[in-house]
Protein backbone atom coordinates (compact mmCIF):
# COMPACT_ATOMS: atom_id res chain seq x y z
CA MET A 1 32.24 127.04 33.18
CA HIS A 2 33.27 123.62 31.87
CA ASP A 3 36.29 121.41 32.57
CA LEU A 4 37.18 123.00 35.89
CA ASN A 5 39.43 120.00 36.56
CA ARG A 6 41.67 121.15 33.70
CA LEU A 7 42.50 124.51 35.25
CA THR A 8 46.01 125.26 36.42
CA ALA A 9 46.40 125.89 40.14
CA ARG A 10 47.02 129.57 39.48
CA GLU A 11 43.90 129.87 37.33
CA ALA A 12 41.81 128.05 39.91
CA ALA A 13 43.07 130.24 42.77
CA ALA A 14 42.27 133.41 40.81
CA LEU A 15 38.74 132.24 39.99
CA VAL A 16 38.00 131.37 43.61
CA ARG A 17 39.46 134.64 44.83
CA ASP A 18 37.30 136.61 42.36
CA GLY A 19 34.16 134.66 43.28
CA ARG A 20 33.68 133.27 39.78
CA VAL A 21 34.08 129.65 40.90
CA THR A 22 33.64 128.00 44.28
CA ALA A 23 36.05 125.61 45.91
CA LEU A 24 33.18 123.14 46.04
CA ASP A 25 32.83 123.34 42.26
CA LEU A 26 36.56 122.74 41.79
CA VAL A 27 36.74 119.77 44.12
CA ASP A 28 33.57 118.26 42.69
CA ALA A 29 34.98 118.53 39.16
CA CYS A 30 38.20 116.80 40.25
CA LEU A 31 36.27 114.05 42.04
CA SER A 32 34.14 113.47 38.95
CA ARG A 33 37.26 113.07 36.83
CA ILE A 34 38.74 110.67 39.36
CA ALA A 35 35.56 108.61 39.41
CA ALA A 36 35.61 108.39 35.61
CA ARG A 37 39.28 107.43 35.25
CA GLU A 38 40.62 105.89 38.45
CA ASP A 39 39.81 102.31 37.51
CA GLU A 40 42.24 102.68 34.58
CA VAL A 41 44.91 105.06 35.92
CA ARG A 42 44.94 103.93 39.58
CA ALA A 43 46.69 107.04 40.86
CA TRP A 44 45.12 107.15 44.33
CA ALA A 45 46.11 105.42 47.53
CA HIS A 46 43.56 107.15 49.78
CA LEU A 47 40.56 109.19 48.76
CA ASP A 48 37.62 110.39 50.85
CA PRO A 49 35.22 112.39 48.63
CA GLY A 50 33.02 113.35 51.57
CA LEU A 51 35.95 114.79 53.51
CA ALA A 52 37.26 116.63 50.45
CA LEU A 53 33.86 118.22 49.83
CA GLU A 54 33.60 119.23 53.50
CA GLU A 55 36.98 120.96 53.27
CA ALA A 56 35.92 122.72 50.08
CA ALA A 57 32.69 123.91 51.70
CA ARG A 58 34.71 125.24 54.64
CA ALA A 59 36.93 127.18 52.24
CA ASP A 60 33.84 128.70 50.60
CA ARG A 61 32.41 129.70 53.98
CA GLU A 62 35.66 131.42 54.92
CA ARG A 63 35.54 133.45 51.73
CA ALA A 64 31.86 134.32 52.24
CA GLU A 65 32.68 135.52 55.76
CA GLY A 66 35.33 137.88 54.43
CA ARG A 67 38.26 136.09 56.04
CA PRO A 68 41.77 136.52 54.59
CA LEU A 69 42.42 134.24 51.64
CA GLY A 70 45.67 132.39 51.12
CA PRO A 71 47.36 132.14 47.70
CA LEU A 72 45.96 128.61 47.19
CA HIS A 73 42.54 129.19 48.72
CA GLY A 74 40.12 126.51 47.57
CA VAL A 75 42.60 124.84 45.21
CA PRO A 76 42.55 121.01 45.32
CA VAL A 77 45.96 119.39 45.85
CA ALA A 78 47.13 115.85 46.62
CA LEU A 79 50.13 114.43 48.46
CA LYS A 80 52.27 111.38 47.81
CA ASP A 81 51.51 108.66 50.31
CA VAL A 82 54.84 109.08 52.11
CA ILE A 83 53.81 112.52 53.40
CA ASP A 84 51.94 112.54 56.70
CA THR A 85 48.40 113.86 56.91
CA ALA A 86 46.28 113.87 60.06
CA ASP A 87 43.04 113.19 58.17
CA TYR A 88 44.23 110.48 55.76
CA PRO A 89 46.33 107.33 56.25
CA THR A 90 49.99 107.43 55.25
CA GLU A 91 51.12 103.90 54.41
CA HIS A 92 54.30 104.48 52.34
CA GLY A 93 53.12 102.04 49.68
CA SER A 94 54.17 99.24 52.00
CA PRO A 95 52.29 96.40 53.70
CA ALA A 96 54.54 97.02 56.70
CA TYR A 97 52.71 100.32 57.28
CA ALA A 98 49.18 99.22 56.38
CA GLY A 99 46.62 101.11 58.45
CA ARG A 100 49.12 103.69 59.68
CA ARG A 101 47.36 106.95 60.62
CA PRO A 102 49.60 109.87 61.62
CA GLU A 103 48.54 112.02 64.54
CA ALA A 104 49.65 115.26 62.90
CA ASP A 105 50.18 116.85 59.51
CA SER A 106 53.63 116.97 57.96
CA ALA A 107 55.19 120.41 57.63
CA VAL A 108 54.25 120.58 53.95
CA ALA A 109 50.64 119.47 54.50
CA ALA A 110 50.31 122.14 57.19
CA ALA A 111 51.82 124.75 54.87
CA LEU A 112 49.40 123.90 52.07
CA ARG A 113 46.41 124.13 54.40
CA ALA A 114 47.70 127.46 55.74
CA ALA A 115 47.78 128.71 52.15
CA GLY A 116 44.12 127.69 51.78
CA ALA A 117 44.57 124.53 49.69
CA VAL A 118 42.13 121.63 49.96
CA VAL A 119 43.98 118.32 50.43
CA ILE A 120 41.85 116.05 48.29
CA GLY A 121 43.68 112.76 48.92
CA LYS A 122 46.89 110.74 48.86
CA THR A 123 48.55 109.45 45.70
CA VAL A 124 50.22 106.11 45.03
CA THR A 125 53.93 105.71 45.73
CA CYS A 126 56.28 102.88 44.89
CA GLU A 127 56.98 100.77 47.97
CA LEU A 128 58.94 102.84 50.52
CA ALA A 129 59.46 105.50 47.80
CA THR A 130 61.80 103.26 45.79
CA HIS A 131 61.72 101.47 42.42
CA VAL A 132 59.21 98.71 43.23
CA PRO A 133 56.17 99.77 41.17
CA GLY A 134 52.70 100.38 42.51
CA PRO A 135 49.51 99.92 40.46
CA THR A 136 49.54 103.33 38.74
CA ARG A 137 49.59 103.51 34.94
CA ASN A 138 50.64 106.32 32.62
CA PRO A 139 47.60 108.32 31.40
CA ALA A 140 49.30 108.92 28.06
CA ASP A 141 49.41 105.16 27.41
CA LEU A 142 48.10 102.75 30.03
CA SER A 143 50.62 100.11 28.95
CA ARG A 144 53.46 102.41 30.00
CA SER A 145 55.04 103.19 33.35
CA PRO A 146 54.27 106.57 34.95
CA GLY A 147 57.78 106.49 36.44
CA GLY A 148 58.55 106.30 40.10
CA SER A 149 58.50 106.62 42.92
CA SER A 150 56.05 109.55 42.78
CA SER A 151 53.95 107.66 40.24
CA GLY A 152 50.46 108.57 41.41
CA SER A 153 51.34 112.23 41.90
CA ALA A 154 52.53 112.64 38.31
CA ALA A 155 49.68 110.60 36.82
CA ALA A 156 46.97 112.45 38.76
CA VAL A 157 48.11 115.81 37.38
CA ALA A 158 48.61 114.41 33.87
CA ASP A 159 45.10 112.94 33.80
CA HIS A 160 43.50 116.20 35.00
CA MET A 161 42.38 114.68 38.28
CA VAL A 162 43.92 117.48 40.32
CA PRO A 163 45.88 120.61 39.32
CA ALA A 164 48.92 120.04 41.55
CA THR A 165 50.48 117.38 43.74
CA LEU A 166 53.51 116.84 45.95
CA GLY A 167 56.07 114.08 45.55
CA THR A 168 59.55 113.29 46.79
CA GLN A 169 62.88 112.67 45.07
CA THR A 170 65.86 110.70 46.36
CA LEU A 171 67.42 110.00 42.95
CA GLY A 172 64.92 110.84 40.18
CA SER A 173 61.45 110.37 41.63
CA VAL A 174 60.00 113.78 40.70
CA ILE A 175 61.77 114.71 37.47
CA ARG A 176 61.43 111.30 35.79
CA PRO A 177 57.67 110.75 36.45
CA ALA A 178 56.99 114.31 35.34
CA ALA A 179 58.85 113.61 32.10
CA PHE A 180 57.10 110.30 31.45
CA CYS A 181 53.61 111.67 32.19
CA GLY A 182 54.04 115.00 30.39
CA VAL A 183 53.64 117.44 33.30
CA TYR A 184 55.86 120.04 34.93
CA GLY A 185 58.00 118.77 37.80
CA PHE A 186 60.15 120.73 40.23
CA LYS A 187 62.79 119.34 42.58
CA PRO A 188 63.91 122.37 44.60
CA SER A 189 67.27 122.95 46.23
CA PHE A 190 68.07 120.52 49.01
CA GLY A 191 66.75 121.95 52.26
CA ALA A 192 64.39 124.46 50.63
CA ILE A 193 61.23 122.60 51.71
CA PRO A 194 61.01 121.03 55.18
CA ARG A 195 60.76 117.24 55.30
CA THR A 196 59.28 116.94 58.79
CA GLY A 197 56.61 114.24 58.64
CA VAL A 198 57.93 112.81 55.35
CA LEU A 199 59.24 109.23 55.07
CA GLU A 200 63.00 109.27 55.53
CA GLN A 201 64.84 107.09 53.06
CA SER A 202 68.10 109.00 52.62
CA PRO A 203 68.48 112.15 54.74
CA THR A 204 71.39 113.29 52.57
CA LEU A 205 69.31 113.19 49.37
CA ASP A 206 65.55 113.20 50.17
CA THR A 207 63.78 116.26 48.75
CA VAL A 208 60.08 117.22 48.55
CA GLY A 209 59.01 118.28 45.06
CA VAL A 210 55.99 119.55 43.12
CA PHE A 211 54.01 118.44 40.04
CA ALA A 212 51.78 120.90 38.18
CA ARG A 213 50.62 122.10 34.77
CA SER A 214 52.81 125.19 34.37
CA VAL A 215 56.05 126.68 35.63
CA GLU A 216 53.99 129.42 37.30
CA ASP A 217 52.12 126.73 39.26
CA LEU A 218 55.41 125.26 40.44
CA ALA A 219 56.40 128.69 41.71
CA LEU A 220 53.01 129.28 43.34
CA LEU A 221 53.25 126.09 45.36
CA GLY A 222 56.92 126.64 46.07
CA ASP A 223 56.12 129.99 47.66
CA ALA A 224 53.73 128.23 50.04
CA LEU A 225 56.16 125.40 50.86
CA PHE A 226 59.62 126.96 51.12
CA GLY A 227 60.73 127.75 54.65
CA HIS A 228 62.72 126.87 57.72
CA ASP A 229 61.69 124.12 60.14
CA PRO A 230 63.99 123.55 63.13
CA ARG A 231 62.89 119.90 63.12
CA ASP A 232 64.62 119.41 59.75
CA ALA A 233 68.35 120.13 60.01
CA ALA A 234 68.62 120.49 56.22
CA THR A 235 66.59 123.72 56.31
CA ARG A 236 68.10 127.07 57.27
CA PRO A 237 66.58 130.37 58.37
CA ARG A 238 66.52 132.54 55.27
CA SER A 239 64.25 134.97 53.49
CA ARG A 240 61.67 133.50 51.14
CA PRO A 241 62.71 133.74 47.48
CA ALA A 242 59.41 135.14 46.03
CA LEU A 243 59.32 132.49 43.32
CA LEU A 244 56.12 133.49 41.50
CA GLU A 245 57.02 137.17 41.54
CA THR A 246 60.40 136.34 40.02
CA VAL A 247 58.98 133.95 37.44
CA THR A 248 56.50 136.52 36.14
CA ALA A 249 58.94 139.46 36.17
CA PRO A 250 60.53 140.52 32.86
CA TRP A 251 64.07 139.37 32.15
CA PRO A 252 66.63 142.18 31.82
CA VAL A 253 68.70 139.90 29.54
CA PRO A 254 67.89 136.48 28.07
CA PRO A 255 69.28 133.56 30.09
CA THR A 256 72.13 131.42 28.83
CA PHE A 257 72.39 127.66 29.09
CA ALA A 258 75.10 125.02 29.39
CA LEU A 259 74.37 121.78 27.55
CA VAL A 260 75.74 118.94 29.69
CA ARG A 261 76.06 115.42 28.34
CA SER A 262 77.11 112.24 30.09
CA ASP A 263 78.97 109.11 29.04
CA ARG A 264 75.58 107.52 28.46
CA TRP A 265 74.49 109.99 25.78
CA ALA A 266 74.46 107.14 23.26
CA ASP A 267 71.86 105.37 25.44
CA LEU A 268 69.32 108.14 24.86
CA ASP A 269 66.41 107.39 22.56
CA ARG A 270 67.16 108.80 19.14
CA ASP A 271 64.17 111.14 19.33
CA GLN A 272 65.39 112.42 22.72
CA ARG A 273 68.85 113.21 21.31
CA GLU A 274 67.34 114.91 18.28
CA ALA A 275 64.94 116.96 20.39
CA ILE A 276 67.75 118.22 22.63
CA ALA A 277 69.83 119.07 19.56
CA GLU A 278 66.90 120.91 17.99
CA LEU A 279 66.29 122.87 21.16
CA ALA A 280 69.97 123.81 21.36
CA GLY A 281 69.76 124.93 17.75
CA GLU A 282 66.76 127.14 18.52
CA LEU A 283 68.67 128.80 21.37
CA GLY A 284 71.72 129.32 19.21
CA ALA A 285 74.56 131.28 20.80
CA ARG A 286 72.80 131.19 24.17
CA VAL A 287 73.82 127.52 24.55
CA THR A 288 77.39 126.38 25.23
CA GLU A 289 78.26 122.71 25.46
CA ILE A 290 80.09 121.97 28.71
CA GLU A 291 82.15 118.82 29.23
CA PHE A 292 81.44 117.36 32.68
CA GLY A 293 83.38 114.26 31.68
CA TYR A 294 83.83 111.33 34.00
CA ALA A 295 82.62 113.51 36.87
CA PHE A 296 79.01 112.91 35.73
CA GLU A 297 79.34 109.14 36.09
CA GLU A 298 81.29 109.57 39.33
CA GLY A 299 78.45 111.65 40.75
CA VAL A 300 75.79 109.13 39.73
CA ALA A 301 77.78 106.36 41.42
CA ALA A 302 78.21 108.47 44.57
CA ALA A 303 74.48 109.15 44.73
CA ARG A 304 73.75 105.44 44.48
CA THR A 305 76.22 104.63 47.23
CA ILE A 306 74.78 107.21 49.60
CA ARG A 307 71.26 106.12 48.86
CA ILE A 308 71.74 102.40 49.46
CA VAL A 309 73.74 102.91 52.65
CA GLU A 310 71.19 105.27 54.13
CA PHE A 311 68.32 103.07 52.91
CA ALA A 312 69.90 100.12 54.73
CA ARG A 313 70.15 102.20 57.89
CA ALA A 314 66.53 103.37 57.60
CA PHE A 315 64.86 100.09 56.69
CA GLY A 316 67.31 97.38 57.68
CA PRO A 317 65.61 96.87 61.07
CA LEU A 318 62.23 96.49 59.34
CA ALA A 319 63.67 93.98 56.85
CA ASP A 320 65.20 92.00 59.71
CA ARG A 321 62.09 92.07 61.86
CA SER A 322 59.46 91.45 59.19
CA PRO A 323 61.13 90.30 55.95
CA GLU A 324 57.81 89.07 54.57
CA LEU A 325 56.55 92.68 54.58
CA VAL A 326 59.45 94.04 52.52
CA HIS A 327 59.76 93.36 48.78
CA PRO A 328 62.69 91.03 47.95
CA ASP A 329 64.28 93.71 45.75
CA LEU A 330 64.31 96.10 48.70
CA ARG A 331 65.74 93.49 51.02
CA ALA A 332 68.52 93.14 48.45
CA VAL A 333 69.11 96.91 48.59
CA VAL A 334 69.41 96.66 52.38
CA GLU A 335 72.04 93.94 52.04
CA ALA A 336 73.91 95.88 49.37
CA GLY A 337 73.94 98.95 51.59
CA ARG A 338 75.26 96.97 54.52
CA ASP A 339 78.09 95.64 52.36
CA VAL A 340 79.39 99.11 51.45
CA PRO A 341 82.59 99.89 53.37
CA ALA A 342 82.48 103.00 55.55
CA VAL A 343 85.36 104.50 53.57
CA ALA A 344 83.36 104.18 50.33
CA TYR A 345 80.41 105.98 51.90
CA LEU A 346 82.68 108.79 53.14
CA ASP A 347 84.32 109.00 49.71
CA ALA A 348 80.85 109.43 48.18
CA LEU A 349 80.14 112.33 50.54
CA ASP A 350 83.49 113.88 49.55
CA THR A 351 82.55 113.45 45.88
CA ARG A 352 79.36 115.34 46.57
CA SER A 353 81.30 118.31 47.95
CA ARG A 354 83.93 118.27 45.20
CA LEU A 355 81.46 118.04 42.31
CA GLY A 356 79.33 120.72 43.94
CA ARG A 357 82.25 123.11 43.52
CA THR A 358 82.57 122.05 39.86
CA ALA A 359 78.89 122.73 39.24
CA ARG A 360 79.07 126.15 40.90
CA SER A 361 81.87 127.12 38.55
CA ILE A 362 79.58 126.35 35.59
CA PHE A 363 76.79 128.48 37.03
CA LEU A 364 79.12 131.48 37.28
CA ASP A 365 78.95 131.75 33.49
CA HIS A 366 75.64 130.08 32.63
CA GLY A 367 72.18 130.63 34.04
CA ALA A 368 71.09 127.01 33.85
CA ILE A 369 72.24 123.59 32.74
CA LEU A 370 70.28 121.98 29.90
CA THR A 371 70.15 118.18 29.93
CA PRO A 372 67.63 115.35 29.35
CA ALA A 373 65.12 114.55 32.07
CA ALA A 374 65.18 110.85 31.19
CA LEU A 375 66.60 108.50 28.58
CA GLY A 376 63.45 108.94 26.49
CA THR A 377 59.76 108.20 26.74
CA ALA A 378 58.14 106.03 29.40
CA PRO A 379 59.10 102.34 29.30
CA GLU A 380 56.58 99.54 29.21
CA ALA A 381 54.96 99.12 32.63
CA LEU A 382 56.49 95.69 33.18
CA ALA A 383 59.99 97.05 32.46
CA GLY A 384 60.09 99.07 35.68
CA THR A 385 59.95 102.76 36.52
CA GLY A 386 62.82 103.95 34.33
CA ASP A 387 66.45 104.90 34.81
CA PRO A 388 67.22 107.92 37.05
CA HIS A 389 70.65 108.45 35.46
CA PHE A 390 70.08 112.01 34.24
CA CYS A 391 68.57 113.04 37.58
CA SER A 392 70.85 111.42 40.14
CA LEU A 393 73.83 113.78 39.87
CA TRP A 394 71.71 116.88 40.46
CA THR A 395 69.98 115.26 43.43
CA LEU A 396 73.39 114.42 44.86
CA LEU A 397 74.49 118.04 44.52
CA GLY A 398 71.27 119.42 45.99
CA THR A 399 70.72 121.69 43.00
CA PRO A 400 67.21 122.68 41.88
CA ALA A 401 65.88 121.01 38.74
CA VAL A 402 62.75 121.33 36.65
CA SER A 403 61.27 118.98 34.05
CA LEU A 404 59.63 120.70 31.09
CA PRO A 405 57.28 118.62 28.88
CA LEU A 406 58.35 120.28 25.63
CA PHE A 407 58.60 117.27 23.31
CA GLU A 408 56.84 114.09 22.31
CA SER A 409 57.78 110.93 20.49
CA GLY A 410 55.30 108.49 19.03
CA GLY A 411 52.47 110.23 20.86
CA LEU A 412 54.23 109.90 24.23
CA PRO A 413 55.52 112.82 26.32
CA MET A 414 59.24 113.57 26.40
CA ALA A 415 60.96 116.26 28.45
CA VAL A 416 64.02 118.41 28.89
CA GLN A 417 65.52 119.14 32.30
CA LEU A 418 66.89 122.49 33.43
CA VAL A 419 69.19 122.59 36.45
CA GLY A 420 70.13 125.68 38.47
CA ASP A 421 72.67 126.61 41.09
CA ARG A 422 71.90 125.48 44.62
CA GLY A 423 69.72 128.09 46.32
CA ASP A 424 68.97 129.83 43.02
CA ASP A 425 65.51 128.27 42.56
CA ALA A 426 63.79 131.51 41.56
CA ARG A 427 66.21 132.21 38.74
CA LEU A 428 65.93 128.63 37.49
CA LEU A 429 62.14 128.79 37.36
CA ARG A 430 62.26 132.16 35.61
CA SER A 431 64.61 130.70 32.98
CA ALA A 432 62.26 127.74 32.58
CA ALA A 433 59.20 129.96 32.17
CA LEU A 434 60.96 132.10 29.59
CA LEU A 435 62.07 129.05 27.64
CA VAL A 436 58.51 127.69 27.57
CA ARG A 437 57.14 131.05 26.38
CA GLU A 438 59.80 131.41 23.70
CA LEU A 439 59.14 127.98 22.26
CA ALA A 440 55.37 128.52 22.36
CA GLY A 441 55.89 131.76 20.44
CA ALA A 442 58.09 130.05 17.90
CA GLU A 443 55.43 127.41 17.27
CA ALA A 444 52.59 129.92 16.93
């Protein structure tokens, strides 16, 4: 069997479970791809091929011994280098944390291992999971940005180095890189996935997300990752949502969508506007345009305020103690956060609650919100990691969002974003999967 590195996570798990492919074969295929392409893409912060192959061999032994297999048994995955792993360094893309080696796995790393996944390495992050770019380039065009801050995670999946990766989002750091690199990205509801052992930038906004090659893969990993952790106050004891089962179940009725614009609609690339309009036309009466008005811009501003204040609280001491180890742009963010009056920060939190009620009223009548994932295709690498405008509001509200790589422009990937009601991740992913299948059928 050729091109094992191009399998989806779900395909790979099924082949290992059926004994048609070994975990060692899968990991070896991914490592070969990495060896061939890493000098150009530069997606990896930490990679230990020997360790990865040992873990794969262990997974194969467990299967040969008849032990219970998890849903990701033998599947290679990678984690953004802000997520703690006991067997790899976690340096947060920052010289201030060079050589840092955690003593224990993060909650999500432990959950992936419990599901049988092989953690193959750590992917590049922008410094301290922000907007300061790392070395990663976009596999679709090496002169372009892969987005940020989960740059290596998106690029590694896009370049077929690994079938699935984890990232984090504080404003747009999962959805935007997924859009720019042409892969599927999932930012779940706030609090759905525990953040214990993940770099804290903004506890009000930080969310662990997933990159993969299909909506079904997003659901498969989500099933392994969702859960309560008493060490993370954002999580709550609740039943697991059975994401993959829901995604693959038939729809009793087709979902409906609300097309939401913003005051910056004119800033979209022309091809992005036309693609959204064409998609809305394909869906016909199932799409209703909803006016969010000034509230969209108000929400984006509130998200920025919360983020810079909490960033200043998290990293201000580091910037004071060792300014030479913190990028000047990030030191400026610290100072900006310190200058925000307390009343403005509290107003931003109130805005979050108020707009959350507005969004819930939309979801009473519409299954999902349809909106761009980014302003267009990936910018030139030297122009930065892109604008998180069309992601920030939904991160503020804690709603689940998924980036679908349905379009392209000039040979570069371009995506649409679907947003669901908070806590309704399964329904959102099912709507996304149905939309992908419908469009594939229309093109056939």
